[in-house]
All heavy atoms as atom14 arrays in JSON, in Angstrom:
{
  "sequence": "TVCPGAAGGHNWQASAYSPETGALIIPLIQLCSVVIAGEVEQQGSYAA",
  "atom14_mask": [
    [1, 1, 1, 1, 1, 1, 1, 0, 0, 0, 0, 0, 0, 0],
    [1, 1, 1, 1, 1, 1, 1, 0, 0, 0, 0, 0, 0, 0],
    [1, 1, 1, 1, 1, 1, 0, 0, 0, 0, 0, 0, 0, 0],
    [1, 1, 1, 1, 1, 1, 1, 0, 0, 0, 0, 0, 0, 0],
    [1, 1, 1, 1, 0, 0, 0, 0, 0, 0, 0, 0, 0, 0],
    [1, 1, 1, 1, 1, 0, 0, 0, 0, 0, 0, 0, 0, 0],
    [1, 1, 1, 1, 1, 0, 0, 0, 0, 0, 0, 0, 0, 0],
    [1, 1, 1, 1, 0, 0, 0, 0, 0, 0, 0, 0, 0, 0],
    [1, 1, 1, 1, 0, 0, 0, 0, 0, 0, 0, 0, 0, 0],
    [1, 1, 1, 1, 1, 1, 1, 1, 1, 1, 0, 0, 0, 0],
    [1, 1, 1, 1, 1, 1, 1, 1, 0, 0, 0, 0, 0, 0],
    [1, 1, 1, 1, 1, 1, 1, 1, 1, 1, 1, 1, 1, 1],
    [1, 1, 1, 1, 1, 1, 1, 1, 1, 0, 0, 0, 0, 0],
    [1, 1, 1, 1, 1, 0, 0, 0, 0, 0, 0, 0, 0, 0],
    [1, 1, 1, 1, 1, 1, 0, 0, 0, 0, 0, 0, 0, 0],
    [1, 1, 1, 1, 1, 0, 0, 0, 0, 0, 0, 0, 0, 0],
    [1, 1, 1, 1, 1, 1, 1, 1, 1, 1, 1, 1, 0, 0],
    [1, 1, 1, 1, 1, 1, 0, 0, 0, 0, 0, 0, 0, 0],
    [1, 1, 1, 1, 1, 1, 1, 0, 0, 0, 0, 0, 0, 0],
    [1, 1, 1, 1, 1, 1, 1, 1, 1, 0, 0, 0, 0, 0],
    [1, 1, 1, 1, 1, 1, 1, 0, 0, 0, 0, 0, 0, 0],
    [1, 1, 1, 1, 0, 0, 0, 0, 0, 0, 0, 0, 0, 0],
    [1, 1, 1, 1, 1, 0, 0, 0, 0, 0, 0, 0, 0, 0],
    [1, 1, 1, 1, 1, 1, 1, 1, 0, 0, 0, 0, 0, 0],
    [1, 1, 1, 1, 1, 1, 1, 1, 0, 0, 0, 0, 0, 0],
    [1, 1, 1, 1, 1, 1, 1, 1, 0, 0, 0, 0, 0, 0],
    [1, 1, 1, 1, 1, 1, 1, 0, 0, 0, 0, 0, 0, 0],
    [1, 1, 1, 1, 1, 1, 1, 1, 0, 0, 0, 0, 0, 0],
    [1, 1, 1, 1, 1, 1, 1, 1, 0, 0, 0, 0, 0, 0],
    [1, 1, 1, 1, 1, 1, 1, 1, 1, 0, 0, 0, 0, 0],
    [1, 1, 1, 1, 1, 1, 1, 1, 0, 0, 0, 0, 0, 0],
    [1, 1, 1, 1, 1, 1, 0, 0, 0, 0, 0, 0, 0, 0],
    [1, 1, 1, 1, 1, 1, 0, 0, 0, 0, 0, 0, 0, 0],
    [1, 1, 1, 1, 1, 1, 1, 0, 0, 0, 0, 0, 0, 0],
    [1, 1, 1, 1, 1, 1, 1, 0, 0, 0, 0, 0, 0, 0],
    [1, 1, 1, 1, 1, 1, 1, 1, 0, 0, 0, 0, 0, 0],
    [1, 1, 1, 1, 1, 0, 0, 0, 0, 0, 0, 0, 0, 0],
    [1, 1, 1, 1, 0, 0, 0, 0, 0, 0, 0, 0, 0, 0],
    [1, 1, 1, 1, 1, 1, 1, 1, 1, 0, 0, 0, 0, 0],
    [1, 1, 1, 1, 1, 1, 1, 0, 0, 0, 0, 0, 0, 0],
    [1, 1, 1, 1, 1, 1, 1, 1, 1, 0, 0, 0, 0, 0],
    [1, 1, 1, 1, 1, 1, 1, 1, 1, 0, 0, 0, 0, 0],
    [1, 1, 1, 1, 1, 1, 1, 1, 1, 0, 0, 0, 0, 0],
    [1, 1, 1, 1, 0, 0, 0, 0, 0, 0, 0, 0, 0, 0],
    [1, 1, 1, 1, 1, 1, 0, 0, 0, 0, 0, 0, 0, 0],
    [1, 1, 1, 1, 1, 1, 1, 1, 1, 1, 1, 1, 0, 0],
    [1, 1, 1, 1, 1, 0, 0, 0, 0, 0, 0, 0, 0, 0],
    [1, 1, 1, 1, 1, 0, 0, 0, 0, 0, 0, 0, 0, 0]
  ],
  "atom14_positions": [
    [[0.85, -1.19, 0.0], [0.0, 0.0, 0.0], [0.88, 1.24, 0.0], [1.8, 1.35, 0.82], [-0.92, 0.01, 1.22], [-1.73, -1.16, 1.21], [-1.83, 1.24, 1.2], [0.0, 0.0, 0.0], [0.0, 0.0, 0.0], [0.0, 0.0, 0.0], [0.0, 0.0, 0.0], [0.0, 0.0, 0.0], [0.0, 0.0, 0.0], [0.0, 0.0, 0.0]],
    [[0.59, 2.17, -0.92], [1.42, 3.36, -1.05], [0.54, 4.59, -1.28], [-0.54, 4.51, -1.85], [2.42, 3.23, -2.22], [3.46, 2.17, -1.93], [1.71, 2.95, -3.54], [0.0, 0.0, 0.0], [0.0, 0.0, 0.0], [0.0, 0.0, 0.0], [0.0, 0.0, 0.0], [0.0, 0.0, 0.0], [0.0, 0.0, 0.0], [0.0, 0.0, 0.0]],
    [[1.05, 5.73, -0.79], [0.43, 7.03, -1.03], [1.51, 8.0, -1.53], [2.59, 8.04, -0.94], [-0.16, 7.59, 0.26], [-1.59, 6.7, 0.9], [0.0, 0.0, 0.0], [0.0, 0.0, 0.0], [0.0, 0.0, 0.0], [0.0, 0.0, 0.0], [0.0, 0.0, 0.0], [0.0, 0.0, 0.0], [0.0, 0.0, 0.0], [0.0, 0.0, 0.0]],
    [[1.19, 8.76, -2.6], [0.0, 8.7, -3.45], [-0.08, 7.4, -4.23], [0.87, 6.61, -4.24], [0.17, 9.89, -4.39], [1.22, 10.76, -3.77], [2.11, 9.82, -3.02], [0.0, 0.0, 0.0], [0.0, 0.0, 0.0], [0.0, 0.0, 0.0], [0.0, 0.0, 0.0], [0.0, 0.0, 0.0], [0.0, 0.0, 0.0], [0.0, 0.0, 0.0]],
    [[-1.19, 7.22, -4.95], [-1.4, 6.0, -5.7], [-0.97, 6.1, -7.15], [-0.43, 7.11, -7.6], [0.0, 0.0, 0.0], [0.0, 0.0, 0.0], [0.0, 0.0, 0.0], [0.0, 0.0, 0.0], [0.0, 0.0, 0.0], [0.0, 0.0, 0.0], [0.0, 0.0, 0.0], [0.0, 0.0, 0.0], [0.0, 0.0, 0.0], [0.0, 0.0, 0.0]],
    [[-1.26, 5.03, -7.9], [-0.82, 4.93, -9.28], [-1.51, 5.94, -10.2], [-1.01, 6.24, -11.28], [-1.06, 3.52, -9.8], [0.0, 0.0, 0.0], [0.0, 0.0, 0.0], [0.0, 0.0, 0.0], [0.0, 0.0, 0.0], [0.0, 0.0, 0.0], [0.0, 0.0, 0.0], [0.0, 0.0, 0.0], [0.0, 0.0, 0.0], [0.0, 0.0, 0.0]],
    [[-2.66, 6.47, -9.78], [-3.32, 7.52, -10.57], [-2.74, 8.9, -10.26], [-3.08, 9.88, -10.91], [-4.82, 7.52, -10.3], [0.0, 0.0, 0.0], [0.0, 0.0, 0.0], [0.0, 0.0, 0.0], [0.0, 0.0, 0.0], [0.0, 0.0, 0.0], [0.0, 0.0, 0.0], [0.0, 0.0, 0.0], [0.0, 0.0, 0.0], [0.0, 0.0, 0.0]],
    [[-1.85, 8.97, -9.29], [-1.33, 10.23, -8.8], [-2.03, 10.52, -7.47], [-3.09, 9.97, -7.22], [0.0, 0.0, 0.0], [0.0, 0.0, 0.0], [0.0, 0.0, 0.0], [0.0, 0.0, 0.0], [0.0, 0.0, 0.0], [0.0, 0.0, 0.0], [0.0, 0.0, 0.0], [0.0, 0.0, 0.0], [0.0, 0.0, 0.0], [0.0, 0.0, 0.0]],
    [[-1.49, 11.41, -6.64], [-0.45, 12.39, -6.96], [-0.83, 13.3, -8.14], [-1.83, 13.98, -8.13], [0.0, 0.0, 0.0], [0.0, 0.0, 0.0], [0.0, 0.0, 0.0], [0.0, 0.0, 0.0], [0.0, 0.0, 0.0], [0.0, 0.0, 0.0], [0.0, 0.0, 0.0], [0.0, 0.0, 0.0], [0.0, 0.0, 0.0], [0.0, 0.0, 0.0]],
    [[0.04, 13.27, -9.07], [-0.08, 14.08, -10.27], [-0.14, 13.12, -11.45], [0.46, 12.06, -11.43], [1.12, 15.01, -10.38], [1.06, 15.94, -11.56], [0.14, 16.95, -11.66], [1.81, 16.0, -12.68], [0.33, 17.6, -12.8], [1.34, 17.05, -13.43], [0.0, 0.0, 0.0], [0.0, 0.0, 0.0], [0.0, 0.0, 0.0], [0.0, 0.0, 0.0]],
    [[-0.88, 13.54, -12.5], [-0.98, 12.69, -13.67], [-0.83, 13.57, -14.91], [-0.14, 14.57, -14.87], [-2.3, 11.9, -13.65], [-2.21, 10.57, -14.37], [-1.96, 10.52, -15.56], [-2.4, 9.48, -13.64], [0.0, 0.0, 0.0], [0.0, 0.0, 0.0], [0.0, 0.0, 0.0], [0.0, 0.0, 0.0], [0.0, 0.0, 0.0], [0.0, 0.0, 0.0]],
    [[-1.51, 13.19, -16.0], [-1.34, 13.88, -17.28], [-1.91, 15.3, -17.28], [-1.64, 16.08, -18.2], [-1.97, 13.07, -18.4], [-3.42, 12.75, -18.19], [-3.94, 11.62, -17.64], [-4.53, 13.6, -18.5], [-5.32, 11.71, -17.58], [-5.7, 12.9, -18.11], [-4.66, 14.86, -19.07], [-6.98, 13.44, -18.27], [-5.93, 15.4, -19.23], [-7.07, 14.69, -18.83]],
    [[-2.7, 15.67, -16.25], [-3.27, 17.01, -16.18], [-2.15, 18.0, -15.85], [-1.7, 18.1, -14.72], [-4.36, 17.06, -15.11], [-5.5, 16.07, -15.36], [-5.32, 14.76, -14.62], [-4.23, 14.23, -14.56], [-6.39, 14.24, -14.05], [0.0, 0.0, 0.0], [0.0, 0.0, 0.0], [0.0, 0.0, 0.0], [0.0, 0.0, 0.0], [0.0, 0.0, 0.0]],
    [[-1.7, 18.74, -16.86], [-0.46, 19.51, -16.76], [-0.58, 20.73, -15.87], [-1.62, 21.4, -15.82], [0.0, 19.93, -18.15], [0.0, 0.0, 0.0], [0.0, 0.0, 0.0], [0.0, 0.0, 0.0], [0.0, 0.0, 0.0], [0.0, 0.0, 0.0], [0.0, 0.0, 0.0], [0.0, 0.0, 0.0], [0.0, 0.0, 0.0], [0.0, 0.0, 0.0]],
    [[0.51, 21.04, -15.19], [0.65, 22.27, -14.41], [0.86, 23.45, -15.36], [1.16, 23.28, -16.54], [1.85, 22.17, -13.47], [1.83, 20.96, -12.74], [0.0, 0.0, 0.0], [0.0, 0.0, 0.0], [0.0, 0.0, 0.0], [0.0, 0.0, 0.0], [0.0, 0.0, 0.0], [0.0, 0.0, 0.0], [0.0, 0.0, 0.0], [0.0, 0.0, 0.0]],
    [[0.72, 24.65, -14.83], [1.0, 25.86, -15.61], [1.73, 26.85, -14.72], [1.54, 26.9, -13.5], [-0.29, 26.49, -16.15], [0.0, 0.0, 0.0], [0.0, 0.0, 0.0], [0.0, 0.0, 0.0], [0.0, 0.0, 0.0], [0.0, 0.0, 0.0], [0.0, 0.0, 0.0], [0.0, 0.0, 0.0], [0.0, 0.0, 0.0], [0.0, 0.0, 0.0]],
    [[2.58, 27.68, -15.35], [3.39, 28.65, -14.64], [2.73, 30.02, -14.7], [2.2, 30.43, -15.74], [4.78, 28.71, -15.25], [5.73, 29.69, -14.59], [6.08, 29.55, -13.26], [6.28, 30.74, -15.33], [6.96, 30.44, -12.65], [7.17, 31.63, -14.73], [7.5, 31.48, -13.4], [8.36, 32.35, -12.8], [0.0, 0.0, 0.0], [0.0, 0.0, 0.0]],
    [[2.76, 30.73, -13.6], [2.26, 32.1, -13.53], [3.46, 33.02, -13.32], [3.96, 33.15, -12.2], [1.27, 32.26, -12.37], [0.98, 33.61, -12.13], [0.0, 0.0, 0.0], [0.0, 0.0, 0.0], [0.0, 0.0, 0.0], [0.0, 0.0, 0.0], [0.0, 0.0, 0.0], [0.0, 0.0, 0.0], [0.0, 0.0, 0.0], [0.0, 0.0, 0.0]],
    [[3.95, 33.68, -14.39], [5.13, 34.54, -14.23], [4.87, 35.74, -13.33], [5.8, 36.28, -12.71], [5.44, 34.97, -15.67], [4.21, 34.74, -16.45], [3.51, 33.6, -15.79], [0.0, 0.0, 0.0], [0.0, 0.0, 0.0], [0.0, 0.0, 0.0], [0.0, 0.0, 0.0], [0.0, 0.0, 0.0], [0.0, 0.0, 0.0], [0.0, 0.0, 0.0]],
    [[3.61, 36.2, -13.24], [3.3, 37.33, -12.36], [3.54, 36.99, -10.89], [3.86, 37.88, -10.09], [1.85, 37.78, -12.55], [1.57, 38.47, -13.88], [1.31, 37.48, -15.0], [1.17, 36.28, -14.72], [1.26, 37.91, -16.17], [0.0, 0.0, 0.0], [0.0, 0.0, 0.0], [0.0, 0.0, 0.0], [0.0, 0.0, 0.0], [0.0, 0.0, 0.0]],
    [[3.38, 35.74, -10.53], [3.55, 35.33, -9.13], [4.79, 34.47, -8.91], [5.16, 34.21, -7.76], [2.32, 34.53, -8.65], [2.19, 33.35, -9.44], [1.05, 35.37, -8.78], [0.0, 0.0, 0.0], [0.0, 0.0, 0.0], [0.0, 0.0, 0.0], [0.0, 0.0, 0.0], [0.0, 0.0, 0.0], [0.0, 0.0, 0.0], [0.0, 0.0, 0.0]],
    [[5.42, 34.02, -9.99], [6.58, 33.13, -9.85], [6.2, 31.77, -9.3], [7.02, 31.08, -8.69], [0.0, 0.0, 0.0], [0.0, 0.0, 0.0], [0.0, 0.0, 0.0], [0.0, 0.0, 0.0], [0.0, 0.0, 0.0], [0.0, 0.0, 0.0], [0.0, 0.0, 0.0], [0.0, 0.0, 0.0], [0.0, 0.0, 0.0], [0.0, 0.0, 0.0]],
    [[4.95, 31.36, -9.54], [4.46, 30.12, -8.96], [3.97, 29.15, -10.03], [3.53, 29.56, -11.12], [3.33, 30.39, -7.96], [0.0, 0.0, 0.0], [0.0, 0.0, 0.0], [0.0, 0.0, 0.0], [0.0, 0.0, 0.0], [0.0, 0.0, 0.0], [0.0, 0.0, 0.0], [0.0, 0.0, 0.0], [0.0, 0.0, 0.0], [0.0, 0.0, 0.0]],
    [[4.03, 27.88, -9.71], [3.5, 26.81, -10.55], [2.16, 26.39, -9.96], [2.05, 26.13, -8.76], [4.47, 25.62, -10.54], [4.4, 24.63, -11.7], [4.74, 25.29, -13.03], [5.36, 23.47, -11.44], [0.0, 0.0, 0.0], [0.0, 0.0, 0.0], [0.0, 0.0, 0.0], [0.0, 0.0, 0.0], [0.0, 0.0, 0.0], [0.0, 0.0, 0.0]],
    [[1.12, 26.36, -10.8], [-0.21, 25.94, -10.34], [-0.38, 24.48, -10.76], [-0.38, 24.16, -11.96], [-1.33, 26.8, -10.95], [-0.98, 28.3, -10.85], [-2.66, 26.49, -10.26], [-0.8, 28.81, -9.46], [0.0, 0.0, 0.0], [0.0, 0.0, 0.0], [0.0, 0.0, 0.0], [0.0, 0.0, 0.0], [0.0, 0.0, 0.0], [0.0, 0.0, 0.0]],
    [[-0.53, 23.58, -9.78], [-0.43, 22.14, -10.01], [-1.73, 21.44, -9.66], [-2.19, 21.52, -8.51], [0.72, 21.53, -9.16], [2.02, 22.3, -9.36], [0.91, 20.06, -9.52], [3.12, 21.88, -8.4], [0.0, 0.0, 0.0], [0.0, 0.0, 0.0], [0.0, 0.0, 0.0], [0.0, 0.0, 0.0], [0.0, 0.0, 0.0], [0.0, 0.0, 0.0]],
    [[-2.35, 20.7, -10.58], [-3.49, 19.86, -10.23], [-3.01, 18.53, -9.65], [-2.11, 17.88, -10.2], [-4.21, 19.64, -11.58], [-3.16, 19.87, -12.61], [-2.08, 20.73, -12.02], [0.0, 0.0, 0.0], [0.0, 0.0, 0.0], [0.0, 0.0, 0.0], [0.0, 0.0, 0.0], [0.0, 0.0, 0.0], [0.0, 0.0, 0.0], [0.0, 0.0, 0.0]],
    [[-3.59, 18.13, -8.52], [-3.17, 16.93, -7.8], [-4.38, 16.06, -7.49], [-5.52, 16.52, -7.49], [-2.46, 17.31, -6.5], [-1.18, 18.14, -6.65], [-0.81, 18.81, -5.33], [-0.03, 17.27, -7.15], [0.0, 0.0, 0.0], [0.0, 0.0, 0.0], [0.0, 0.0, 0.0], [0.0, 0.0, 0.0], [0.0, 0.0, 0.0], [0.0, 0.0, 0.0]],
    [[-4.12, 14.78, -7.21], [-5.16, 13.81, -6.87], [-4.81, 13.19, -5.53], [-3.7, 12.7, -5.34], [-5.28, 12.71, -7.94], [-5.59, 13.34, -9.31], [-6.36, 11.7, -7.57], [-5.53, 12.33, -10.46], [0.0, 0.0, 0.0], [0.0, 0.0, 0.0], [0.0, 0.0, 0.0], [0.0, 0.0, 0.0], [0.0, 0.0, 0.0], [0.0, 0.0, 0.0]],
    [[-5.76, 13.19, -4.59], [-5.5, 12.67, -3.25], [-6.04, 11.25, -3.11], [-7.07, 11.01, -2.49], [-6.09, 13.62, -2.2], [-5.49, 15.02, -2.3], [-5.8, 15.92, -1.13], [-4.88, 16.5, -0.52], [-7.05, 16.06, -0.79], [0.0, 0.0, 0.0], [0.0, 0.0, 0.0], [0.0, 0.0, 0.0], [0.0, 0.0, 0.0], [0.0, 0.0, 0.0]],
    [[-5.31, 10.31, -3.72], [-5.65, 8.89, -3.67], [-4.41, 8.06, -3.41], [-3.29, 8.5, -3.68], [-6.29, 8.44, -5.0], [-7.71, 8.94, -5.29], [-8.09, 8.62, -6.73], [-8.72, 8.33, -4.32], [0.0, 0.0, 0.0], [0.0, 0.0, 0.0], [0.0, 0.0, 0.0], [0.0, 0.0, 0.0], [0.0, 0.0, 0.0], [0.0, 0.0, 0.0]],
    [[-4.62, 6.86, -2.89], [-3.54, 5.91, -2.65], [-3.83, 4.61, -3.4], [-4.9, 4.46, -3.99], [-3.39, 5.64, -1.15], [-3.09, 7.15, -0.18], [0.0, 0.0, 0.0], [0.0, 0.0, 0.0], [0.0, 0.0, 0.0], [0.0, 0.0, 0.0], [0.0, 0.0, 0.0], [0.0, 0.0, 0.0], [0.0, 0.0, 0.0], [0.0, 0.0, 0.0]],
    [[-2.88, 3.68, -3.37], [-3.04, 2.42, -4.12], [-2.53, 1.23, -3.33], [-1.61, 1.35, -2.51], [-2.28, 2.47, -5.45], [-2.89, 3.32, -6.37], [0.0, 0.0, 0.0], [0.0, 0.0, 0.0], [0.0, 0.0, 0.0], [0.0, 0.0, 0.0], [0.0, 0.0, 0.0], [0.0, 0.0, 0.0], [0.0, 0.0, 0.0], [0.0, 0.0, 0.0]],
    [[-3.15, 0.09, -3.62], [-2.62, -1.2, -3.19], [-2.11, -1.89, -4.45], [-2.88, -2.13, -5.39], [-3.7, -2.06, -2.51], [-3.1, -3.4, -2.09], [-4.3, -1.33, -1.32], [0.0, 0.0, 0.0], [0.0, 0.0, 0.0], [0.0, 0.0, 0.0], [0.0, 0.0, 0.0], [0.0, 0.0, 0.0], [0.0, 0.0, 0.0], [0.0, 0.0, 0.0]],
    [[-0.81, -2.18, -4.49], [-0.17, -2.75, -5.67], [0.22, -4.19, -5.38], [0.9, -4.47, -4.38], [1.08, -1.94, -6.07], [1.72, -2.5, -7.33], [0.71, -0.46, -6.28], [0.0, 0.0, 0.0], [0.0, 0.0, 0.0], [0.0, 0.0, 0.0], [0.0, 0.0, 0.0], [0.0, 0.0, 0.0], [0.0, 0.0, 0.0], [0.0, 0.0, 0.0]],
    [[-0.22, -5.11, -6.26], [0.09, -6.53, -6.09], [0.8, -7.02, -7.34], [0.24, -6.99, -8.44], [-1.19, -7.36, -5.85], [-1.97, -6.8, -4.65], [-0.85, -8.83, -5.64], [-3.32, -7.45, -4.45], [0.0, 0.0, 0.0], [0.0, 0.0, 0.0], [0.0, 0.0, 0.0], [0.0, 0.0, 0.0], [0.0, 0.0, 0.0], [0.0, 0.0, 0.0]],
    [[2.01, -7.46, -7.2], [2.8, -7.95, -8.34], [2.23, -9.26, -8.86], [1.78, -10.11, -8.08], [4.25, -8.13, -7.93], [0.0, 0.0, 0.0], [0.0, 0.0, 0.0], [0.0, 0.0, 0.0], [0.0, 0.0, 0.0], [0.0, 0.0, 0.0], [0.0, 0.0, 0.0], [0.0, 0.0, 0.0], [0.0, 0.0, 0.0], [0.0, 0.0, 0.0]],
    [[2.27, -9.43, -10.18], [1.82, -10.67, -10.81], [2.89, -11.25, -11.71], [3.93, -10.63, -11.95], [0.0, 0.0, 0.0], [0.0, 0.0, 0.0], [0.0, 0.0, 0.0], [0.0, 0.0, 0.0], [0.0, 0.0, 0.0], [0.0, 0.0, 0.0], [0.0, 0.0, 0.0], [0.0, 0.0, 0.0], [0.0, 0.0, 0.0], [0.0, 0.0, 0.0]],
    [[2.63, -12.44, -12.19], [3.53, -13.07, -13.14], [3.36, -12.4, -14.5], [2.24, -12.13, -14.95], [3.23, -14.57, -13.26], [3.46, -15.36, -11.97], [4.93, -15.6, -11.69], [5.77, -15.22, -12.54], [5.25, -16.17, -10.63], [0.0, 0.0, 0.0], [0.0, 0.0, 0.0], [0.0, 0.0, 0.0], [0.0, 0.0, 0.0], [0.0, 0.0, 0.0]],
    [[4.46, -12.16, -15.17], [4.4, -11.51, -16.47], [4.06, -12.52, -17.55], [4.49, -13.68, -17.5], [5.74, -10.81, -16.79], [6.88, -11.81, -16.91], [5.63, -9.99, -18.07], [0.0, 0.0, 0.0], [0.0, 0.0, 0.0], [0.0, 0.0, 0.0], [0.0, 0.0, 0.0], [0.0, 0.0, 0.0], [0.0, 0.0, 0.0], [0.0, 0.0, 0.0]],
    [[3.24, -12.08, -18.51], [2.91, -12.96, -19.62], [4.07, -13.04, -20.6], [4.95, -12.18, -20.62], [1.66, -12.44, -20.34], [0.42, -12.47, -19.46], [-0.83, -12.02, -20.21], [-0.74, -11.83, -21.44], [-1.87, -11.87, -19.56], [0.0, 0.0, 0.0], [0.0, 0.0, 0.0], [0.0, 0.0, 0.0], [0.0, 0.0, 0.0], [0.0, 0.0, 0.0]],
    [[4.05, -14.06, -21.42], [5.18, -14.34, -22.3], [5.49, -13.16, -23.22], [6.65, -12.85, -23.49], [4.91, -15.59, -23.13], [6.1, -16.02, -23.99], [5.85, -17.34, -24.68], [4.81, -17.95, -24.5], [6.81, -17.78, -25.47], [0.0, 0.0, 0.0], [0.0, 0.0, 0.0], [0.0, 0.0, 0.0], [0.0, 0.0, 0.0], [0.0, 0.0, 0.0]],
    [[4.44, -12.49, -23.74], [4.66, -11.4, -24.67], [4.91, -10.07, -23.96], [5.14, -9.04, -24.6], [3.48, -11.25, -25.63], [2.22, -10.65, -25.02], [1.32, -11.7, -24.39], [1.75, -12.8, -24.08], [0.06, -11.35, -24.2], [0.0, 0.0, 0.0], [0.0, 0.0, 0.0], [0.0, 0.0, 0.0], [0.0, 0.0, 0.0], [0.0, 0.0, 0.0]],
    [[4.85, -10.07, -22.62], [5.03, -8.84, -21.87], [3.7, -8.21, -21.52], [2.72, -8.36, -22.23], [0.0, 0.0, 0.0], [0.0, 0.0, 0.0], [0.0, 0.0, 0.0], [0.0, 0.0, 0.0], [0.0, 0.0, 0.0], [0.0, 0.0, 0.0], [0.0, 0.0, 0.0], [0.0, 0.0, 0.0], [0.0, 0.0, 0.0], [0.0, 0.0, 0.0]],
    [[3.63, -7.52, -20.39], [2.4, -6.88, -19.95], [2.73, -5.99, -18.75], [3.88, -5.87, -18.34], [1.36, -7.94, -19.54], [1.8, -8.64, -18.39], [0.0, 0.0, 0.0], [0.0, 0.0, 0.0], [0.0, 0.0, 0.0], [0.0, 0.0, 0.0], [0.0, 0.0, 0.0], [0.0, 0.0, 0.0], [0.0, 0.0, 0.0], [0.0, 0.0, 0.0]],
    [[1.68, -5.39, -18.17], [1.88, -4.59, -16.96], [2.05, -5.49, -15.74], [2.75, -5.14, -14.79], [0.69, -3.65, -16.77], [0.57, -2.64, -17.88], [-0.31, -2.84, -18.95], [1.34, -1.49, -17.89], [-0.41, -1.91, -19.97], [1.25, -0.56, -18.9], [0.37, -0.78, -19.95], [0.27, 0.13, -20.96], [0.0, 0.0, 0.0], [0.0, 0.0, 0.0]],
    [[1.37, -6.65, -15.75], [1.59, -7.71, -14.77], [1.45, -7.28, -13.32], [2.25, -7.64, -12.48], [2.97, -8.35, -14.99], [0.0, 0.0, 0.0], [0.0, 0.0, 0.0], [0.0, 0.0, 0.0], [0.0, 0.0, 0.0], [0.0, 0.0, 0.0], [0.0, 0.0, 0.0], [0.0, 0.0, 0.0], [0.0, 0.0, 0.0], [0.0, 0.0, 0.0]],
    [[0.43, -6.51, -13.03], [0.17, -6.13, -11.64], [-1.29, -5.79, -11.5], [-1.96, -5.4, -12.46], [1.03, -4.94, -11.22], [0.0, 0.0, 0.0], [0.0, 0.0, 0.0], [0.0, 0.0, 0.0], [0.0, 0.0, 0.0], [0.0, 0.0, 0.0], [0.0, 0.0, 0.0], [0.0, 0.0, 0.0], [0.0, 0.0, 0.0], [0.0, 0.0, 0.0]]
  ]
}
């Protein structure tokens, strides 16, 4: 079990810079994940 989770934290929703304030505005997700490793298939996969 880990925090943040595999969806983020942060994901593809991009941050933007505000030069007037010198700050980065960041979209975040407050979720965690339980990750269980699996056997990989012969052709390859995410396997979890």
